């Protein structure tokens, strides 16, 4: 028996708190997932940074306020993953959940690295639908992953309708 058939594939779903992430999950379930596959639910937790201007100007930011922001962002990250964890349980999907702190690295880079490390067969992710100007100045995580991943990438546009 083929070992892949017996154990299934490892697939990576990069998620955030957007509707397009839920659309990507639904597309994955309907079009790609097989019974023995394992889905890695990956969320990149972007840690709120201290404002640099305050430090450079000699006005130090309130570290208690910053700590509260960081703690809130951690709770928000856990809530994002919990939502997809519950969807996996509901759909009877084998899964692992991973939350990574950005540590000054781009989310796109971290998604690519984790997929390679876990030997994922594919990365599935939603596209936020940034306008051309926003993509030019801010960049796009999905664009980065598409062009830098060592594994195939499936990007689900925000206008996708799952039937």
N, C-alpha and C. Protein backbone atom coordinates (compact mmCIF):
# COMPACT_ATOMS: atom_id res chain seq x y z
N UNK A 1 0.84 -1.18 0.00
CA UNK A 1 0.00 0.00 0.00
C UNK A 1 0.89 1.25 0.00
N UNK A 2 0.50 2.23 -0.76
CA UNK A 2 1.23 3.49 -0.85
C UNK A 2 1.19 4.20 0.51
N UNK A 3 2.35 4.60 1.01
CA UNK A 3 2.41 5.26 2.33
C UNK A 3 1.62 6.56 2.34
N UNK A 4 1.56 7.27 1.20
CA UNK A 4 0.79 8.51 1.12
C UNK A 4 -0.69 8.23 1.27
N UNK A 5 -1.15 7.13 0.69
CA UNK A 5 -2.56 6.76 0.81
C UNK A 5 -2.90 6.40 2.26
N UNK A 6 -1.95 5.75 2.93
CA UNK A 6 -2.18 5.31 4.29
C UNK A 6 -2.20 6.48 5.28
N UNK A 7 -1.23 7.39 5.14
CA UNK A 7 -1.09 8.48 6.10
C UNK A 7 -1.62 9.81 5.59
N UNK A 8 -1.82 9.95 4.32
CA UNK A 8 -2.32 11.19 3.76
C UNK A 8 -1.25 12.24 3.64
N UNK A 9 -1.67 13.37 3.14
CA UNK A 9 -0.76 14.49 2.92
C UNK A 9 -0.82 15.45 4.10
N UNK A 10 0.19 16.28 4.19
CA UNK A 10 0.18 17.40 5.13
C UNK A 10 -0.06 18.64 4.29
N UNK A 11 -1.12 19.36 4.60
CA UNK A 11 -1.49 20.56 3.86
C UNK A 11 -1.50 21.74 4.83
N UNK A 12 -1.11 22.89 4.35
CA UNK A 12 -1.00 24.08 5.19
C UNK A 12 -2.06 25.10 4.78
N UNK A 13 -2.84 25.57 5.75
CA UNK A 13 -3.81 26.63 5.53
C UNK A 13 -3.38 27.83 6.36
N UNK A 14 -2.96 28.89 5.69
CA UNK A 14 -2.55 30.12 6.38
C UNK A 14 -3.80 30.96 6.62
N UNK A 15 -4.06 31.31 7.88
CA UNK A 15 -5.30 32.01 8.23
C UNK A 15 -5.03 33.29 9.00
N UNK A 16 -5.97 34.20 8.85
CA UNK A 16 -6.02 35.39 9.69
C UNK A 16 -7.49 35.60 10.05
N UNK A 17 -7.81 36.76 10.54
CA UNK A 17 -9.19 37.01 10.98
C UNK A 17 -10.02 37.64 9.87
N UNK A 18 -9.83 37.19 8.64
CA UNK A 18 -10.58 37.76 7.52
C UNK A 18 -11.59 36.75 6.98
N UNK A 19 -12.58 37.28 6.31
CA UNK A 19 -13.58 36.43 5.67
C UNK A 19 -12.94 35.57 4.59
N UNK A 20 -11.89 36.10 3.95
CA UNK A 20 -11.24 35.33 2.88
C UNK A 20 -10.54 34.08 3.42
N UNK A 21 -10.10 34.10 4.66
CA UNK A 21 -9.52 32.90 5.26
C UNK A 21 -10.59 31.81 5.42
N UNK A 22 -11.77 32.21 5.83
CA UNK A 22 -12.86 31.24 5.96
C UNK A 22 -13.26 30.70 4.58
N UNK A 23 -13.27 31.57 3.57
CA UNK A 23 -13.55 31.13 2.20
C UNK A 23 -12.50 30.13 1.74
N UNK A 24 -11.23 30.41 2.05
CA UNK A 24 -10.14 29.49 1.68
C UNK A 24 -10.32 28.14 2.38
N UNK A 25 -10.70 28.15 3.65
CA UNK A 25 -10.94 26.90 4.37
C UNK A 25 -12.05 26.11 3.69
N UNK A 26 -13.16 26.77 3.40
CA UNK A 26 -14.29 26.08 2.76
C UNK A 26 -13.91 25.54 1.38
N UNK A 27 -13.12 26.31 0.63
CA UNK A 27 -12.66 25.84 -0.69
C UNK A 27 -11.79 24.59 -0.50
N UNK A 28 -10.88 24.65 0.46
CA UNK A 28 -9.99 23.52 0.73
C UNK A 28 -10.80 22.26 1.04
N UNK A 29 -11.78 22.36 1.92
CA UNK A 29 -12.60 21.21 2.31
C UNK A 29 -13.34 20.64 1.10
N UNK A 30 -13.92 21.49 0.31
CA UNK A 30 -14.74 21.04 -0.82
C UNK A 30 -13.90 20.51 -1.98
N UNK A 31 -12.73 21.08 -2.23
CA UNK A 31 -12.01 20.80 -3.46
C UNK A 31 -10.68 20.06 -3.32
N UNK A 32 -10.10 20.04 -2.14
CA UNK A 32 -8.74 19.51 -2.04
C UNK A 32 -8.57 18.43 -0.98
N UNK A 33 -9.22 18.56 0.13
CA UNK A 33 -9.00 17.68 1.28
C UNK A 33 -9.40 16.24 0.98
N UNK A 34 -8.55 15.32 1.44
CA UNK A 34 -8.84 13.88 1.39
C UNK A 34 -8.86 13.35 2.83
N UNK A 35 -9.56 12.25 3.01
CA UNK A 35 -9.83 11.71 4.35
C UNK A 35 -8.61 11.59 5.25
N UNK A 36 -7.50 11.09 4.76
CA UNK A 36 -6.33 10.86 5.61
C UNK A 36 -5.37 12.05 5.70
N UNK A 37 -5.70 13.15 5.07
CA UNK A 37 -4.85 14.34 5.10
C UNK A 37 -4.85 14.96 6.50
N UNK A 38 -3.78 15.67 6.79
CA UNK A 38 -3.70 16.49 8.00
C UNK A 38 -3.56 17.94 7.57
N UNK A 39 -4.38 18.79 8.14
CA UNK A 39 -4.35 20.21 7.83
C UNK A 39 -3.61 20.96 8.94
N UNK A 40 -2.60 21.70 8.55
CA UNK A 40 -1.92 22.59 9.49
C UNK A 40 -2.61 23.94 9.41
N UNK A 41 -3.22 24.34 10.52
CA UNK A 41 -3.83 25.67 10.61
C UNK A 41 -2.73 26.59 11.11
N UNK A 42 -2.27 27.48 10.25
CA UNK A 42 -1.15 28.36 10.58
C UNK A 42 -1.60 29.81 10.67
N UNK A 43 -1.32 30.42 11.81
CA UNK A 43 -1.60 31.84 11.98
C UNK A 43 -0.32 32.54 12.40
N UNK A 44 0.01 33.62 11.71
CA UNK A 44 1.17 34.43 12.09
C UNK A 44 0.68 35.57 12.98
N UNK A 45 1.11 35.54 14.21
CA UNK A 45 0.74 36.56 15.19
C UNK A 45 1.67 37.75 15.03
N UNK A 46 1.11 38.85 14.58
CA UNK A 46 1.92 40.06 14.41
C UNK A 46 1.93 40.82 15.73
N UNK A 47 3.08 40.85 16.36
CA UNK A 47 3.23 41.46 17.67
C UNK A 47 3.21 42.98 17.54
N UNK A 48 2.34 43.67 18.29
CA UNK A 48 2.36 45.13 18.25
C UNK A 48 3.72 45.66 18.69
N UNK A 49 4.26 46.59 17.94
CA UNK A 49 5.59 47.14 18.23
C UNK A 49 5.47 48.46 18.99
N UNK A 50 6.47 48.74 19.79
CA UNK A 50 6.54 50.05 20.45
C UNK A 50 6.78 51.10 19.37
N UNK A 51 6.14 52.26 19.48
CA UNK A 51 6.36 53.29 18.47
C UNK A 51 7.81 53.80 18.52
N UNK A 52 8.49 53.72 17.40
CA UNK A 52 9.90 54.13 17.31
C UNK A 52 10.05 55.63 17.51
N UNK A 53 9.11 56.40 16.99
CA UNK A 53 9.21 57.86 17.12
C UNK A 53 9.23 58.28 18.58
N UNK A 54 8.46 57.62 19.41
CA UNK A 54 8.44 57.96 20.83
C UNK A 54 9.79 57.72 21.48
N UNK A 55 10.42 56.62 21.14
CA UNK A 55 11.72 56.29 21.72
C UNK A 55 12.77 57.27 21.23
N UNK A 56 12.77 57.59 19.94
CA UNK A 56 13.76 58.51 19.38
C UNK A 56 13.60 59.93 19.90
N UNK A 57 12.38 60.31 20.22
CA UNK A 57 12.15 61.67 20.68
C UNK A 57 12.40 61.84 22.17
N UNK A 58 12.70 60.75 22.86
CA UNK A 58 12.93 60.83 24.29
C UNK A 58 11.65 60.69 25.10
N UNK A 59 10.52 60.57 24.40
CA UNK A 59 9.25 60.35 25.09
C UNK A 59 8.98 58.86 25.05
N UNK A 60 9.03 58.25 26.20
CA UNK A 60 8.90 56.79 26.23
C UNK A 60 7.44 56.38 26.33
N UNK A 61 7.06 55.42 25.52
CA UNK A 61 5.67 54.96 25.54
C UNK A 61 5.36 54.23 26.85
N UNK A 62 4.12 54.19 27.19
CA UNK A 62 3.67 53.51 28.39
C UNK A 62 3.78 52.00 28.16
N UNK A 63 4.70 51.37 28.87
CA UNK A 63 4.92 49.94 28.65
C UNK A 63 3.76 49.09 29.15
N UNK A 64 3.02 49.59 30.14
CA UNK A 64 1.84 48.85 30.60
C UNK A 64 0.77 48.83 29.51
N UNK A 65 0.61 49.96 28.82
CA UNK A 65 -0.34 50.00 27.70
C UNK A 65 0.12 49.07 26.59
N UNK A 66 1.42 49.07 26.33
CA UNK A 66 1.94 48.20 25.27
C UNK A 66 1.75 46.74 25.65
N UNK A 67 2.02 46.40 26.90
CA UNK A 67 1.83 45.02 27.35
C UNK A 67 0.37 44.59 27.18
N UNK A 68 -0.56 45.50 27.50
CA UNK A 68 -1.99 45.19 27.33
C UNK A 68 -2.31 44.95 25.85
N UNK A 69 -1.70 45.75 24.96
CA UNK A 69 -1.91 45.55 23.52
C UNK A 69 -1.38 44.19 23.07
N UNK A 70 -0.21 43.83 23.56
CA UNK A 70 0.39 42.53 23.20
C UNK A 70 -0.50 41.40 23.70
N UNK A 71 -0.94 41.49 24.96
CA UNK A 71 -1.80 40.44 25.51
C UNK A 71 -3.10 40.31 24.74
N UNK A 72 -3.68 41.44 24.36
CA UNK A 72 -4.92 41.42 23.55
C UNK A 72 -4.65 40.77 22.20
N UNK A 73 -3.51 41.08 21.58
CA UNK A 73 -3.19 40.50 20.28
C UNK A 73 -2.98 38.99 20.38
N UNK A 74 -2.44 38.53 21.50
CA UNK A 74 -2.27 37.08 21.72
C UNK A 74 -3.63 36.40 21.83
N UNK A 75 -4.53 37.02 22.59
CA UNK A 75 -5.89 36.46 22.72
C UNK A 75 -6.60 36.45 21.37
N UNK A 76 -6.42 37.51 20.58
CA UNK A 76 -7.03 37.56 19.24
C UNK A 76 -6.48 36.46 18.35
N UNK A 77 -5.16 36.21 18.42
CA UNK A 77 -4.54 35.15 17.62
C UNK A 77 -5.10 33.79 18.01
N UNK A 78 -5.24 33.56 19.30
CA UNK A 78 -5.80 32.29 19.77
C UNK A 78 -7.24 32.12 19.30
N UNK A 79 -8.00 33.22 19.28
CA UNK A 79 -9.40 33.16 18.83
C UNK A 79 -9.49 32.81 17.35
N UNK A 80 -8.57 33.35 16.54
CA UNK A 80 -8.55 33.04 15.11
C UNK A 80 -8.34 31.54 14.92
N UNK A 81 -7.34 31.00 15.58
CA UNK A 81 -7.02 29.57 15.44
C UNK A 81 -8.16 28.72 16.00
N UNK A 82 -8.74 29.13 17.10
CA UNK A 82 -9.85 28.39 17.71
C UNK A 82 -11.02 28.27 16.74
N UNK A 83 -11.31 29.33 16.02
CA UNK A 83 -12.39 29.32 15.03
C UNK A 83 -12.15 28.22 13.98
N UNK A 84 -10.93 28.14 13.45
CA UNK A 84 -10.63 27.15 12.42
C UNK A 84 -10.50 25.74 13.02
N UNK A 85 -10.05 25.67 14.25
CA UNK A 85 -9.99 24.39 14.96
C UNK A 85 -11.41 23.81 15.08
N UNK A 86 -12.37 24.65 15.46
CA UNK A 86 -13.76 24.20 15.60
C UNK A 86 -14.35 23.78 14.25
N UNK A 87 -13.99 24.50 13.19
CA UNK A 87 -14.46 24.11 11.85
C UNK A 87 -13.89 22.74 11.46
N UNK A 88 -12.62 22.50 11.80
CA UNK A 88 -12.01 21.19 11.50
C UNK A 88 -12.70 20.08 12.27
N UNK A 89 -13.00 20.31 13.53
CA UNK A 89 -13.70 19.31 14.33
C UNK A 89 -15.07 19.02 13.73
N UNK A 90 -15.78 20.08 13.36
CA UNK A 90 -17.11 19.95 12.76
C UNK A 90 -17.06 19.14 11.46
N UNK A 91 -16.01 19.35 10.66
CA UNK A 91 -15.88 18.68 9.36
C UNK A 91 -15.10 17.37 9.45
N UNK A 92 -14.69 16.99 10.67
CA UNK A 92 -13.93 15.77 10.91
C UNK A 92 -12.61 15.75 10.13
N UNK A 93 -11.89 16.84 10.22
CA UNK A 93 -10.60 17.00 9.55
C UNK A 93 -9.48 16.84 10.57
N UNK A 94 -8.49 15.98 10.27
CA UNK A 94 -7.30 15.89 11.12
C UNK A 94 -6.54 17.20 11.00
N UNK A 95 -6.09 17.75 12.11
CA UNK A 95 -5.42 19.04 12.05
C UNK A 95 -4.37 19.19 13.14
N UNK A 96 -3.48 20.12 12.90
CA UNK A 96 -2.54 20.64 13.89
C UNK A 96 -2.66 22.15 13.82
N UNK A 97 -2.53 22.79 14.94
CA UNK A 97 -2.61 24.25 14.96
C UNK A 97 -1.26 24.83 15.33
N UNK A 98 -0.88 25.88 14.63
CA UNK A 98 0.40 26.53 14.90
C UNK A 98 0.21 28.04 14.87
N UNK A 99 0.64 28.69 15.93
CA UNK A 99 0.68 30.15 15.96
C UNK A 99 2.15 30.54 16.09
N UNK A 100 2.62 31.34 15.16
CA UNK A 100 4.00 31.82 15.19
C UNK A 100 4.01 33.33 15.40
N UNK A 101 4.90 33.81 16.26
CA UNK A 101 5.10 35.25 16.41
C UNK A 101 5.97 35.74 15.26
N UNK A 102 5.66 36.92 14.75
CA UNK A 102 6.36 37.40 13.54
C UNK A 102 7.84 37.70 13.77
N UNK A 103 8.25 38.06 14.96
CA UNK A 103 9.68 38.29 15.26
C UNK A 103 10.40 39.09 14.18
N UNK A 104 9.78 40.12 13.70
CA UNK A 104 10.35 41.03 12.69
C UNK A 104 10.55 40.37 11.33
N UNK A 105 9.98 39.19 11.12
CA UNK A 105 10.04 38.55 9.81
C UNK A 105 8.68 38.73 9.16
N UNK A 106 8.66 38.71 7.83
CA UNK A 106 7.38 38.90 7.15
C UNK A 106 6.53 37.64 7.29
N UNK A 107 5.20 37.82 7.39
CA UNK A 107 4.33 36.65 7.46
C UNK A 107 4.53 35.72 6.26
N UNK A 108 4.71 36.27 5.07
CA UNK A 108 4.92 35.45 3.88
C UNK A 108 6.13 34.55 4.02
N UNK A 109 7.23 35.12 4.49
CA UNK A 109 8.46 34.34 4.69
C UNK A 109 8.21 33.20 5.68
N UNK A 110 7.54 33.52 6.77
CA UNK A 110 7.30 32.52 7.81
C UNK A 110 6.38 31.39 7.32
N UNK A 111 5.39 31.74 6.51
CA UNK A 111 4.50 30.72 5.94
C UNK A 111 5.31 29.77 5.06
N UNK A 112 6.14 30.33 4.19
CA UNK A 112 6.97 29.50 3.29
C UNK A 112 7.91 28.59 4.08
N UNK A 113 8.55 29.13 5.11
CA UNK A 113 9.49 28.35 5.91
C UNK A 113 8.79 27.21 6.65
N UNK A 114 7.64 27.49 7.23
CA UNK A 114 6.93 26.45 7.96
C UNK A 114 6.46 25.34 7.01
N UNK A 115 5.95 25.72 5.85
CA UNK A 115 5.49 24.72 4.88
C UNK A 115 6.64 23.80 4.47
N UNK A 116 7.81 24.40 4.27
CA UNK A 116 8.98 23.60 3.90
C UNK A 116 9.39 22.68 5.06
N UNK A 117 9.43 23.23 6.26
CA UNK A 117 9.84 22.46 7.44
C UNK A 117 8.89 21.28 7.70
N UNK A 118 7.61 21.48 7.48
CA UNK A 118 6.61 20.44 7.74
C UNK A 118 6.37 19.54 6.53
N UNK A 119 7.12 19.78 5.44
CA UNK A 119 6.98 18.99 4.20
C UNK A 119 5.53 19.01 3.70
N UNK A 120 4.94 20.20 3.73
CA UNK A 120 3.56 20.35 3.25
C UNK A 120 3.49 20.09 1.75
N UNK A 121 2.39 19.51 1.33
CA UNK A 121 2.20 19.26 -0.10
C UNK A 121 1.64 20.50 -0.80
N UNK A 122 1.04 21.41 -0.03
CA UNK A 122 0.44 22.61 -0.61
C UNK A 122 0.24 23.66 0.49
N UNK A 123 0.22 24.92 0.08
CA UNK A 123 -0.20 26.02 0.95
C UNK A 123 -1.48 26.57 0.35
N UNK A 124 -2.53 26.66 1.16
CA UNK A 124 -3.79 27.26 0.73
C UNK A 124 -3.99 28.51 1.56
N UNK A 125 -4.36 29.59 0.90
CA UNK A 125 -4.60 30.84 1.63
C UNK A 125 -5.55 31.73 0.87
N UNK A 126 -6.20 32.60 1.58
CA UNK A 126 -7.08 33.58 0.97
C UNK A 126 -6.30 34.81 0.56
N UNK A 127 -6.87 35.52 -0.40
CA UNK A 127 -6.28 36.79 -0.84
C UNK A 127 -7.20 37.89 -0.36
N UNK A 128 -6.65 38.87 0.30
CA UNK A 128 -7.47 39.91 0.90
C UNK A 128 -8.13 40.84 -0.11
N UNK A 129 -7.59 40.94 -1.29
CA UNK A 129 -8.18 41.82 -2.28
C UNK A 129 -7.71 43.26 -2.12
N UNK A 130 -6.45 43.44 -1.76
CA UNK A 130 -5.89 44.79 -1.68
C UNK A 130 -5.92 45.43 -3.06
N UNK A 131 -6.11 46.71 -3.10
CA UNK A 131 -6.03 47.42 -4.37
C UNK A 131 -4.60 47.46 -4.87
N UNK A 132 -4.43 47.84 -6.13
CA UNK A 132 -3.10 47.85 -6.75
C UNK A 132 -2.14 48.77 -5.98
N UNK A 133 -2.61 49.92 -5.55
CA UNK A 133 -1.76 50.87 -4.84
C UNK A 133 -1.32 50.30 -3.48
N UNK A 134 -2.23 49.69 -2.76
CA UNK A 134 -1.89 49.09 -1.47
C UNK A 134 -0.87 47.97 -1.65
N UNK A 135 -1.08 47.13 -2.67
CA UNK A 135 -0.13 46.04 -2.92
C UNK A 135 1.25 46.59 -3.25
N UNK A 136 1.28 47.71 -4.01
CA UNK A 136 2.55 48.31 -4.41
C UNK A 136 3.33 48.78 -3.18
N UNK A 137 2.66 49.47 -2.26
CA UNK A 137 3.35 50.04 -1.11
C UNK A 137 3.47 49.09 0.07
N UNK A 138 2.45 48.30 0.32
CA UNK A 138 2.45 47.42 1.48
C UNK A 138 2.93 46.01 1.17
N UNK A 139 2.86 45.64 -0.08
CA UNK A 139 3.16 44.26 -0.44
C UNK A 139 1.97 43.39 -0.12
N UNK A 140 2.02 42.18 -0.54
CA UNK A 140 0.92 41.25 -0.33
C UNK A 140 1.50 39.94 0.17
N UNK A 141 0.96 39.45 1.26
CA UNK A 141 1.45 38.18 1.79
C UNK A 141 1.25 37.06 0.78
N UNK A 142 0.07 37.02 0.17
CA UNK A 142 -0.20 35.95 -0.80
C UNK A 142 0.73 36.05 -2.01
N UNK A 143 1.05 37.27 -2.44
CA UNK A 143 1.98 37.46 -3.56
C UNK A 143 3.37 36.96 -3.18
N UNK A 144 3.81 37.27 -1.97
CA UNK A 144 5.12 36.81 -1.51
C UNK A 144 5.17 35.28 -1.49
N UNK A 145 4.15 34.67 -0.88
CA UNK A 145 4.12 33.21 -0.77
C UNK A 145 4.12 32.57 -2.16
N UNK A 146 3.31 33.11 -3.05
CA UNK A 146 3.22 32.57 -4.41
C UNK A 146 4.57 32.55 -5.10
N UNK A 147 5.37 33.60 -4.91
CA UNK A 147 6.64 33.72 -5.62
C UNK A 147 7.85 33.14 -4.88
N UNK A 148 7.70 32.78 -3.62
CA UNK A 148 8.86 32.30 -2.85
C UNK A 148 8.71 30.90 -2.25
N UNK A 149 7.54 30.31 -2.37
CA UNK A 149 7.32 28.99 -1.76
C UNK A 149 8.01 27.88 -2.54
N UNK A 150 8.50 26.89 -1.80
CA UNK A 150 9.07 25.68 -2.40
C UNK A 150 8.00 24.63 -2.68
N UNK A 151 6.77 24.87 -2.22
CA UNK A 151 5.67 23.93 -2.46
C UNK A 151 4.57 24.65 -3.23
N UNK A 152 3.68 23.91 -3.90
CA UNK A 152 2.59 24.56 -4.63
C UNK A 152 1.73 25.42 -3.71
N UNK A 153 1.19 26.49 -4.29
CA UNK A 153 0.38 27.45 -3.54
C UNK A 153 -0.96 27.61 -4.25
N UNK A 154 -2.03 27.55 -3.48
CA UNK A 154 -3.37 27.82 -4.00
C UNK A 154 -3.89 29.05 -3.29
N UNK A 155 -4.16 30.10 -4.07
CA UNK A 155 -4.65 31.36 -3.50
C UNK A 155 -6.12 31.51 -3.90
N UNK A 156 -6.96 31.67 -2.90
CA UNK A 156 -8.39 31.78 -3.13
C UNK A 156 -8.77 33.26 -3.13
N UNK A 157 -9.26 33.78 -4.28
CA UNK A 157 -9.63 35.19 -4.36
C UNK A 157 -10.82 35.51 -3.45
N UNK A 158 -10.94 36.77 -3.04
CA UNK A 158 -12.03 37.13 -2.12
C UNK A 158 -13.42 36.98 -2.73
N UNK A 159 -13.50 36.93 -4.05
CA UNK A 159 -14.80 36.84 -4.71
C UNK A 159 -15.25 35.40 -4.95
N UNK A 160 -14.47 34.42 -4.49
CA UNK A 160 -14.80 33.01 -4.71
C UNK A 160 -16.10 32.64 -4.00
N UNK A 161 -16.97 31.97 -4.73
CA UNK A 161 -18.22 31.48 -4.15
C UNK A 161 -18.12 29.96 -4.08
N UNK A 162 -18.30 29.40 -2.90
CA UNK A 162 -18.22 27.96 -2.71
C UNK A 162 -19.63 27.39 -2.85
N UNK A 163 -19.80 26.48 -3.80
CA UNK A 163 -21.14 25.88 -4.02
C UNK A 163 -21.21 24.51 -3.41
